[in-house]
């Protein structure tokens, strides 16, 4: 089992304006099981993105450790895919070439790269867009390409930093449903950062609430899968967990 483990993880910055060290993440301990979908939610400035950037290996830790499959994370690596809020697609490459980029960097033969890319595009309902360029796609389609491009590289952990924040509400709900469908079929481990309480609960097996760089509480989400908004929105368990998470975030 390729579990992701955070042990007493901390991140401290020196703020030259304040003339002091500030702690963005303080002694966070968390274990994410292989194939689990975990949402991390909290108010602005609570350390969500800093935590994700340390897991991705983009910034060094100040204290504690990050272990993936028992091995220390020391920097970026292909076993951890990242999807950002911005679409971050290569504008000069077709959709197919964008999705095939990760497998190509892993050294797979060109026919296999294309085969993997087409498989994931079909999974996301984007097979028809394979030969189009990013600027020919809607924002929602671009973000779907971003998600399957990360998945096509076959990461052990997919890190998602508010990936649906820049699209309209209706498109966002559709993307959330598609992400849960793709996750159920392939079962990658996902850590999903969001400000949106409803999104966090709808997507996850477990919601982690952060406050001032610390884990305030973890809540399990006992909603059946597959999930669709027209079924979940009136579910009493969804309402109860959402209300508790919202209370925790507003009081954090």
C-alpha atoms as a PDB file:
ATOM      1  CA  UNK A   1       0.000   0.000   0.000  1.00  0.00           C
ATOM      2  CA  UNK A   2       1.533   3.308  -1.140  1.00  0.00           C
ATOM      3  CA  UNK A   3       0.256   5.426   1.715  1.00  0.00           C
ATOM      4  CA  UNK A   4       1.167   9.097   2.055  1.00  0.00           C
ATOM      5  CA  UNK A   5       2.203  10.017   5.591  1.00  0.00           C
ATOM      6  CA  UNK A   6       2.831  13.473   7.044  1.00  0.00           C
ATOM      7  CA  UNK A   7       4.587  13.460  10.421  1.00  0.00           C
ATOM      8  CA  UNK A   8       4.619  16.656  12.486  1.00  0.00           C
ATOM      9  CA  UNK A   9       5.043  18.676   9.308  1.00  0.00           C
ATOM     10  CA  UNK A  10       5.869  22.374   9.724  1.00  0.00           C
ATOM     11  CA  UNK A  11       6.711  25.315   7.495  1.00  0.00           C
ATOM     12  CA  UNK A  12       8.132  28.584   8.801  1.00  0.00           C
ATOM     13  CA  UNK A  13       8.879  31.687   6.727  1.00  0.00           C
ATOM     14  CA  UNK A  14      10.838  34.806   7.565  1.00  0.00           C
ATOM     15  CA  UNK A  15       8.707  37.881   6.883  1.00  0.00           C
ATOM     16  CA  UNK A  16      11.060  40.833   6.252  1.00  0.00           C
ATOM     17  CA  UNK A  17       8.230  43.330   6.738  1.00  0.00           C
ATOM     18  CA  UNK A  18       7.305  41.951  10.140  1.00  0.00           C
ATOM     19  CA  UNK A  19      10.945  41.227  10.958  1.00  0.00           C
ATOM     20  CA  UNK A  20       9.929  37.863  12.375  1.00  0.00           C
ATOM     21  CA  UNK A  21       9.427  34.214  11.489  1.00  0.00           C
ATOM     22  CA  UNK A  22       5.836  33.206  10.701  1.00  0.00           C
ATOM     23  CA  UNK A  23       4.547  29.634  10.857  1.00  0.00           C
ATOM     24  CA  UNK A  24       2.273  28.704   7.939  1.00  0.00           C
ATOM     25  CA  UNK A  25       1.969  24.997   8.820  1.00  0.00           C
ATOM     26  CA  UNK A  26       2.430  23.731  12.357  1.00  0.00           C
ATOM     27  CA  UNK A  27       2.941  20.075  13.361  1.00  0.00           C
ATOM     28  CA  UNK A  28       0.495  18.558  10.839  1.00  0.00           C
ATOM     29  CA  UNK A  29       0.269  14.765  11.040  1.00  0.00           C
ATOM     30  CA  UNK A  30      -1.926  12.978   8.521  1.00  0.00           C
ATOM     31  CA  UNK A  31      -2.069   9.629   6.732  1.00  0.00           C
ATOM     32  CA  UNK A  32      -3.787   9.256   3.365  1.00  0.00           C
ATOM     33  CA  UNK A  33      -4.453   5.676   2.315  1.00  0.00           C
ATOM     34  CA  UNK A  34      -3.786   4.466  -1.210  1.00  0.00           C
ATOM     35  CA  UNK A  35      -6.865   5.145  -3.340  1.00  0.00           C
ATOM     36  CA  UNK A  36      -8.421   7.528  -0.810  1.00  0.00           C
ATOM     37  CA  UNK A  37      -9.946  10.883  -1.793  1.00  0.00           C
ATOM     38  CA  UNK A  38      -9.193  13.535   0.843  1.00  0.00           C
ATOM     39  CA  UNK A  39     -10.378  17.141   0.700  1.00  0.00           C
ATOM     40  CA  UNK A  40      -8.546  19.814   2.683  1.00  0.00           C
ATOM     41  CA  UNK A  41     -10.572  22.903   3.482  1.00  0.00           C
ATOM     42  CA  UNK A  42     -10.115  25.997   5.620  1.00  0.00           C
ATOM     43  CA  UNK A  43     -10.189  29.800   5.585  1.00  0.00           C
ATOM     44  CA  UNK A  44      -7.757  31.836   3.492  1.00  0.00           C
ATOM     45  CA  UNK A  45      -4.269  31.813   4.944  1.00  0.00           C
ATOM     46  CA  UNK A  46      -4.749  28.599   6.934  1.00  0.00           C
ATOM     47  CA  UNK A  47      -1.867  26.817   5.165  1.00  0.00           C
ATOM     48  CA  UNK A  48      -3.712  24.648   2.624  1.00  0.00           C
ATOM     49  CA  UNK A  49      -1.640  25.552  -0.430  1.00  0.00           C
ATOM     50  CA  UNK A  50       1.607  25.613   1.557  1.00  0.00           C
ATOM     51  CA  UNK A  51       0.858  22.077   2.711  1.00  0.00           C
ATOM     52  CA  UNK A  52       0.168  20.913  -0.836  1.00  0.00           C
ATOM     53  CA  UNK A  53       3.349  22.578  -2.139  1.00  0.00           C
ATOM     54  CA  UNK A  54       5.419  20.731   0.460  1.00  0.00           C
ATOM     55  CA  UNK A  55       3.820  17.403  -0.499  1.00  0.00           C
ATOM     56  CA  UNK A  56       4.518  18.189  -4.157  1.00  0.00           C
ATOM     57  CA  UNK A  57       8.138  18.915  -3.260  1.00  0.00           C
ATOM     58  CA  UNK A  58       7.985  22.483  -4.559  1.00  0.00           C
ATOM     59  CA  UNK A  59       9.074  23.995  -1.245  1.00  0.00           C
ATOM     60  CA  UNK A  60      11.234  22.464   1.511  1.00  0.00           C
ATOM     61  CA  UNK A  61       9.795  21.553   4.883  1.00  0.00           C
ATOM     62  CA  UNK A  62      10.951  23.351   8.026  1.00  0.00           C
ATOM     63  CA  UNK A  63      10.236  20.426  10.308  1.00  0.00           C
ATOM     64  CA  UNK A  64       8.811  16.916  10.267  1.00  0.00           C
ATOM     65  CA  UNK A  65       8.731  14.624   7.263  1.00  0.00           C
ATOM     66  CA  UNK A  66       6.675  13.470   4.288  1.00  0.00           C
ATOM     67  CA  UNK A  67       6.731   9.772   3.408  1.00  0.00           C
ATOM     68  CA  UNK A  68       5.298   8.107   0.309  1.00  0.00           C
ATOM     69  CA  UNK A  69       5.376   4.330   0.435  1.00  0.00           C
ATOM     70  CA  UNK A  70       7.780   4.686   3.357  1.00  0.00           C
ATOM     71  CA  UNK A  71      10.261   6.820   1.394  1.00  0.00           C
ATOM     72  CA  UNK A  72      11.022  10.431   2.256  1.00  0.00           C
ATOM     73  CA  UNK A  73       9.821  13.096  -0.173  1.00  0.00           C
ATOM     74  CA  UNK A  74      12.702  15.487  -0.862  1.00  0.00           C
ATOM     75  CA  UNK A  75      11.600  17.262  -4.038  1.00  0.00           C
ATOM     76  CA  UNK A  76       9.252  17.058  -7.028  1.00  0.00           C
ATOM     77  CA  UNK A  77       8.733  13.658  -8.632  1.00  0.00           C
ATOM     78  CA  UNK A  78       6.498  11.961 -11.233  1.00  0.00           C
ATOM     79  CA  UNK A  79       4.842   9.875  -8.528  1.00  0.00           C
ATOM     80  CA  UNK A  80       3.051  13.075  -7.446  1.00  0.00           C
ATOM     81  CA  UNK A  81       0.952  14.772 -10.120  1.00  0.00           C
ATOM     82  CA  UNK A  82      -0.320  18.322  -9.621  1.00  0.00           C
ATOM     83  CA  UNK A  83      -3.362  20.087 -11.083  1.00  0.00           C
ATOM     84  CA  UNK A  84      -3.461  23.848 -10.515  1.00  0.00           C
ATOM     85  CA  UNK A  85      -6.269  26.398 -10.621  1.00  0.00           C
ATOM     86  CA  UNK A  86      -4.838  27.754 -13.878  1.00  0.00           C
ATOM     87  CA  UNK A  87      -5.161  25.289 -16.737  1.00  0.00           C
ATOM     88  CA  UNK A  88      -1.359  25.268 -17.364  1.00  0.00           C
ATOM     89  CA  UNK A  89      -1.651  23.550 -20.738  1.00  0.00           C
ATOM     90  CA  UNK A  90       0.964  23.933 -23.452  1.00  0.00           C
ATOM     91  CA  UNK A  91      -0.796  26.269 -25.921  1.00  0.00           C
ATOM     92  CA  UNK A  92       1.358  25.155 -28.867  1.00  0.00           C
ATOM     93  CA  UNK A  93       0.477  21.479 -28.392  1.00  0.00           C
ATOM     94  CA  UNK A  94      -2.757  19.736 -29.313  1.00  0.00           C
ATOM     95  CA  UNK A  95      -4.932  18.218 -26.601  1.00  0.00           C
ATOM     96  CA  UNK A  96      -3.552  14.785 -27.475  1.00  0.00           C
ATOM     97  CA  UNK A  97       0.037  16.036 -27.281  1.00  0.00           C
ATOM     98  CA  UNK A  98      -0.637  17.705 -23.925  1.00  0.00           C
ATOM     99  CA  UNK A  99      -1.962  14.486 -22.397  1.00  0.00           C
ATOM    100  CA  UNK A 100       0.805  12.397 -23.980  1.00  0.00           C
ATOM    101  CA  UNK A 101       3.510  14.677 -22.549  1.00  0.00           C
ATOM    102  CA  UNK A 102       3.889  12.874 -19.208  1.00  0.00           C
ATOM    103  CA  UNK A 103       4.188   9.368 -20.680  1.00  0.00           C
ATOM    104  CA  UNK A 104       6.657  10.771 -23.227  1.00  0.00           C
ATOM    105  CA  UNK A 105       8.823  12.200 -20.423  1.00  0.00           C
ATOM    106  CA  UNK A 106       8.754   8.756 -18.769  1.00  0.00           C
ATOM    107  CA  UNK A 107      10.378   7.366 -21.905  1.00  0.00           C
ATOM    108  CA  UNK A 108       7.451   5.379 -23.278  1.00  0.00           C
ATOM    109  CA  UNK A 109       7.477   4.720 -27.040  1.00  0.00           C
ATOM    110  CA  UNK A 110       5.481   7.209 -29.087  1.00  0.00           C
ATOM    111  CA  UNK A 111       2.678   4.775 -30.049  1.00  0.00           C
ATOM    112  CA  UNK A 112       2.194   3.865 -26.376  1.00  0.00           C
ATOM    113  CA  UNK A 113       2.172   7.542 -25.352  1.00  0.00           C
ATOM    114  CA  UNK A 114      -0.557   8.225 -27.884  1.00  0.00           C
ATOM    115  CA  UNK A 115      -2.501   5.140 -26.827  1.00  0.00           C
ATOM    116  CA  UNK A 116      -2.421   6.176 -23.152  1.00  0.00           C
ATOM    117  CA  UNK A 117      -3.431   9.735 -24.044  1.00  0.00           C
ATOM    118  CA  UNK A 118      -6.375   8.593 -26.131  1.00  0.00           C
ATOM    119  CA  UNK A 119      -7.481   6.220 -23.374  1.00  0.00           C
ATOM    120  CA  UNK A 120      -7.636   9.039 -20.822  1.00  0.00           C
ATOM    121  CA  UNK A 121      -9.252  11.486 -23.227  1.00  0.00           C
ATOM    122  CA  UNK A 122     -11.977   8.913 -23.871  1.00  0.00           C
ATOM    123  CA  UNK A 123     -12.358   8.425 -20.110  1.00  0.00           C
ATOM    124  CA  UNK A 124     -13.025  12.169 -19.743  1.00  0.00           C
ATOM    125  CA  UNK A 125     -15.316  12.374 -22.756  1.00  0.00           C
ATOM    126  CA  UNK A 126     -12.739  14.359 -24.731  1.00  0.00           C
ATOM    127  CA  UNK A 127     -11.851  11.955 -27.544  1.00  0.00           C
ATOM    128  CA  UNK A 128     -13.442  14.306 -30.071  1.00  0.00           C
ATOM    129  CA  UNK A 129     -11.090  17.132 -28.999  1.00  0.00           C
ATOM    130  CA  UNK A 130      -7.799  15.256 -29.429  1.00  0.00           C
ATOM    131  CA  UNK A 131      -6.578  17.327 -32.383  1.00  0.00           C
ATOM    132  CA  UNK A 132      -7.728  20.707 -31.109  1.00  0.00           C
ATOM    133  CA  UNK A 133      -5.580  23.295 -29.340  1.00  0.00           C
ATOM    134  CA  UNK A 134      -6.247  24.612 -25.810  1.00  0.00           C
ATOM    135  CA  UNK A 135      -7.451  28.025 -27.031  1.00  0.00           C
ATOM    136  CA  UNK A 136     -10.167  26.250 -29.015  1.00  0.00           C
ATOM    137  CA  UNK A 137     -11.651  24.736 -25.843  1.00  0.00           C
ATOM    138  CA  UNK A 138     -13.939  26.114 -23.152  1.00  0.00           C
ATOM    139  CA  UNK A 139     -12.542  26.673 -19.678  1.00  0.00           C
ATOM    140  CA  UNK A 140     -14.240  23.539 -18.399  1.00  0.00           C
ATOM    141  CA  UNK A 141     -12.820  21.418 -21.202  1.00  0.00           C
ATOM    142  CA  UNK A 142      -9.343  22.832 -20.629  1.00  0.00           C
ATOM    143  CA  UNK A 143      -9.496  21.882 -16.969  1.00  0.00           C
ATOM    144  CA  UNK A 144     -10.658  18.358 -17.848  1.00  0.00           C
ATOM    145  CA  UNK A 145      -7.611  18.097 -20.109  1.00  0.00           C
ATOM    146  CA  UNK A 146      -5.444  19.289 -17.195  1.00  0.00           C
ATOM    147  CA  UNK A 147      -6.845  16.576 -14.930  1.00  0.00           C
ATOM    148  CA  UNK A 148      -6.397  13.693 -17.385  1.00  0.00           C
ATOM    149  CA  UNK A 149      -2.943  14.975 -18.388  1.00  0.00           C
ATOM    150  CA  UNK A 150      -1.891  14.545 -14.750  1.00  0.00           C
ATOM    151  CA  UNK A 151      -3.580  11.130 -14.492  1.00  0.00           C
ATOM    152  CA  UNK A 152      -2.012   9.880 -17.733  1.00  0.00           C
ATOM    153  CA  UNK A 153       1.390  10.073 -16.043  1.00  0.00           C
ATOM    154  CA  UNK A 154       0.114   7.405 -13.619  1.00  0.00           C
ATOM    155  CA  UNK A 155       1.030   9.204 -10.372  1.00  0.00           C
ATOM    156  CA  UNK A 156       0.688   7.504  -7.002  1.00  0.00           C
ATOM    157  CA  UNK A 157      -0.845  10.719  -5.630  1.00  0.00           C
ATOM    158  CA  UNK A 158      -2.755  13.441  -7.479  1.00  0.00           C
ATOM    159  CA  UNK A 159      -2.563  16.858  -5.786  1.00  0.00           C
ATOM    160  CA  UNK A 160      -5.278  19.313  -6.819  1.00  0.00           C
ATOM    161  CA  UNK A 161      -5.108  22.970  -5.785  1.00  0.00           C
ATOM    162  CA  UNK A 162      -8.567  24.533  -6.229  1.00  0.00           C
ATOM    163  CA  UNK A 163      -8.707  23.258  -9.820  1.00  0.00           C
ATOM    164  CA  UNK A 164     -12.331  24.276 -10.470  1.00  0.00           C
ATOM    165  CA  UNK A 165     -12.289  27.725  -8.887  1.00  0.00           C
ATOM    166  CA  UNK A 166     -12.042  29.639 -12.178  1.00  0.00           C
ATOM    167  CA  UNK A 167     -15.068  28.130 -13.968  1.00  0.00           C
ATOM    168  CA  UNK A 168     -18.746  29.003 -13.648  1.00  0.00           C
ATOM    169  CA  UNK A 169     -20.954  27.275 -11.072  1.00  0.00           C
ATOM    170  CA  UNK A 170     -22.736  24.923 -13.486  1.00  0.00           C
ATOM    171  CA  UNK A 171     -19.489  23.833 -15.157  1.00  0.00           C
ATOM    172  CA  UNK A 172     -17.938  23.378 -11.730  1.00  0.00           C
ATOM    173  CA  UNK A 173     -20.664  20.944 -10.675  1.00  0.00           C
ATOM    174  CA  UNK A 174     -20.219  18.983 -13.901  1.00  0.00           C
ATOM    175  CA  UNK A 175     -16.449  18.810 -13.376  1.00  0.00           C
ATOM    176  CA  UNK A 176     -16.952  17.618  -9.804  1.00  0.00           C
ATOM    177  CA  UNK A 177     -19.216  14.797 -10.990  1.00  0.00           C
ATOM    178  CA  UNK A 178     -16.767  13.835 -13.740  1.00  0.00           C
ATOM    179  CA  UNK A 179     -13.842  13.821 -11.318  1.00  0.00           C
ATOM    180  CA  UNK A 180     -15.662  11.443  -8.962  1.00  0.00           C
ATOM    181  CA  UNK A 181     -16.518   9.190 -11.907  1.00  0.00           C
ATOM    182  CA  UNK A 182     -12.915   9.089 -13.144  1.00  0.00           C
ATOM    183  CA  UNK A 183     -11.643   8.566  -9.591  1.00  0.00           C
ATOM    184  CA  UNK A 184     -14.001   5.619  -9.101  1.00  0.00           C
ATOM    185  CA  UNK A 185     -12.815   3.976 -12.297  1.00  0.00           C
ATOM    186  CA  UNK A 186      -9.058   4.451 -11.732  1.00  0.00           C
ATOM    187  CA  UNK A 187      -8.815   4.995  -7.951  1.00  0.00           C
ATOM    188  CA  UNK A 188      -5.829   7.324  -7.765  1.00  0.00           C
ATOM    189  CA  UNK A 189      -5.026   8.783  -4.362  1.00  0.00           C
ATOM    190  CA  UNK A 190      -6.277  12.387  -4.445  1.00  0.00           C
ATOM    191  CA  UNK A 191      -5.635  15.321  -2.121  1.00  0.00           C
ATOM    192  CA  UNK A 192      -7.971  18.137  -3.100  1.00  0.00           C
ATOM    193  CA  UNK A 193      -7.545  21.701  -1.806  1.00  0.00           C
ATOM    194  CA  UNK A 194     -10.635  23.914  -1.838  1.00  0.00           C
ATOM    195  CA  UNK A 195     -12.366  26.860  -0.152  1.00  0.00           C
ATOM    196  CA  UNK A 196     -15.755  25.426  -1.089  1.00  0.00           C
ATOM    197  CA  UNK A 197     -17.288  23.392   1.735  1.00  0.00           C
ATOM    198  CA  UNK A 198     -19.931  21.786  -0.485  1.00  0.00           C
ATOM    199  CA  UNK A 199     -17.300  20.750  -3.015  1.00  0.00           C
ATOM    200  CA  UNK A 200     -15.065  19.303  -0.306  1.00  0.00           C
ATOM    201  CA  UNK A 201     -17.852  17.125   1.096  1.00  0.00           C
ATOM    202  CA  UNK A 202     -19.271  16.073  -2.276  1.00  0.00           C
ATOM    203  CA  UNK A 203     -15.924  14.805  -3.557  1.00  0.00           C
ATOM    204  CA  UNK A 204     -14.190  13.241  -0.592  1.00  0.00           C
ATOM    205  CA  UNK A 205     -14.054  10.131   1.536  1.00  0.00           C
ATOM    206  CA  UNK A 206     -12.655  12.363   4.277  1.00  0.00           C
ATOM    207  CA  UNK A 207     -12.542  16.109   4.881  1.00  0.00           C
ATOM    208  CA  UNK A 208      -9.635  17.650   6.793  1.00  0.00           C
ATOM    209  CA  UNK A 209     -10.286  21.110   8.233  1.00  0.00           C
ATOM    210  CA  UNK A 210      -7.240  23.336   8.720  1.00  0.00           C
ATOM    211  CA  UNK A 211      -7.041  26.355  10.996  1.00  0.00           C
ATOM    212  CA  UNK A 212      -3.976  28.550  11.461  1.00  0.00           C
ATOM    213  CA  UNK A 213      -1.706  25.876  10.041  1.00  0.00           C
ATOM    214  CA  UNK A 214      -3.044  23.057  12.217  1.00  0.00           C
ATOM    215  CA  UNK A 215      -5.483  20.202  11.658  1.00  0.00           C
ATOM    216  CA  UNK A 216      -8.644  21.290  13.450  1.00  0.00           C
ATOM    217  CA  UNK A 217     -10.677  18.165  12.710  1.00  0.00           C
ATOM    218  CA  UNK A 218     -11.063  15.251  10.290  1.00  0.00           C
ATOM    219  CA  UNK A 219     -14.542  14.137   9.229  1.00  0.00           C
ATOM    220  CA  UNK A 220     -15.513  11.006   7.330  1.00  0.00           C
ATOM    221  CA  UNK A 221     -18.053  11.345   4.506  1.00  0.00           C
ATOM    222  CA  UNK A 222     -20.403   8.350   4.450  1.00  0.00           C
ATOM    223  CA  UNK A 223     -22.140   9.109   1.159  1.00  0.00           C
ATOM    224  CA  UNK A 224     -22.746   6.330  -1.361  1.00  0.00           C
ATOM    225  CA  UNK A 225     -20.954   6.347  -4.704  1.00  0.00           C
ATOM    226  CA  UNK A 226     -21.324   7.097  -7.537  1.00  0.00           C
ATOM    227  CA  UNK A 227     -22.266  10.631  -6.545  1.00  0.00           C
ATOM    228  CA  UNK A 228     -24.392  13.082  -8.497  1.00  0.00           C
ATOM    229  CA  UNK A 229     -25.505  16.494  -7.287  1.00  0.00           C
ATOM    230  CA  UNK A 230     -29.199  15.891  -7.869  1.00  0.00           C
ATOM    231  CA  UNK A 231     -28.986  12.916  -5.479  1.00  0.00           C
ATOM    232  CA  UNK A 232     -26.536  14.313  -2.922  1.00  0.00           C
ATOM    233  CA  UNK A 233     -27.909  17.811  -2.434  1.00  0.00           C
ATOM    234  CA  UNK A 234     -30.890  16.623  -0.368  1.00  0.00           C
ATOM    235  CA  UNK A 235     -29.069  13.815   1.425  1.00  0.00           C
ATOM    236  CA  UNK A 236     -29.238  14.223   5.213  1.00  0.00           C
ATOM    237  CA  UNK A 237     -25.671  12.937   5.680  1.00  0.00           C
ATOM    238  CA  UNK A 238     -24.366  15.465   3.130  1.00  0.00           C
ATOM    239  CA  UNK A 239     -26.220  18.276   4.886  1.00  0.00           C
ATOM    240  CA  UNK A 240     -24.972  17.241   8.326  1.00  0.00           C
ATOM    241  CA  UNK A 241     -21.288  16.957   7.353  1.00  0.00           C
ATOM    242  CA  UNK A 242     -21.444  20.180   5.322  1.00  0.00           C
ATOM    243  CA  UNK A 243     -22.978  22.052   8.239  1.00  0.00           C
ATOM    244  CA  UNK A 244     -20.296  20.805  10.635  1.00  0.00           C
ATOM    245  CA  UNK A 245     -17.460  21.641   8.230  1.00  0.00           C
ATOM    246  CA  UNK A 246     -18.919  25.100   7.589  1.00  0.00           C
ATOM    247  CA  UNK A 247     -19.175  25.745  11.322  1.00  0.00           C
ATOM    248  CA  UNK A 248     -15.556  24.680  11.822  1.00  0.00           C
ATOM    249  CA  UNK A 249     -14.295  26.847   8.941  1.00  0.00           C
ATOM    250  CA  UNK A 250     -16.232  29.919  10.086  1.00  0.00           C
ATOM    251  CA  UNK A 251     -15.008  29.532  13.653  1.00  0.00           C
ATOM    252  CA  UNK A 252     -11.386  28.785  12.655  1.00  0.00           C
END
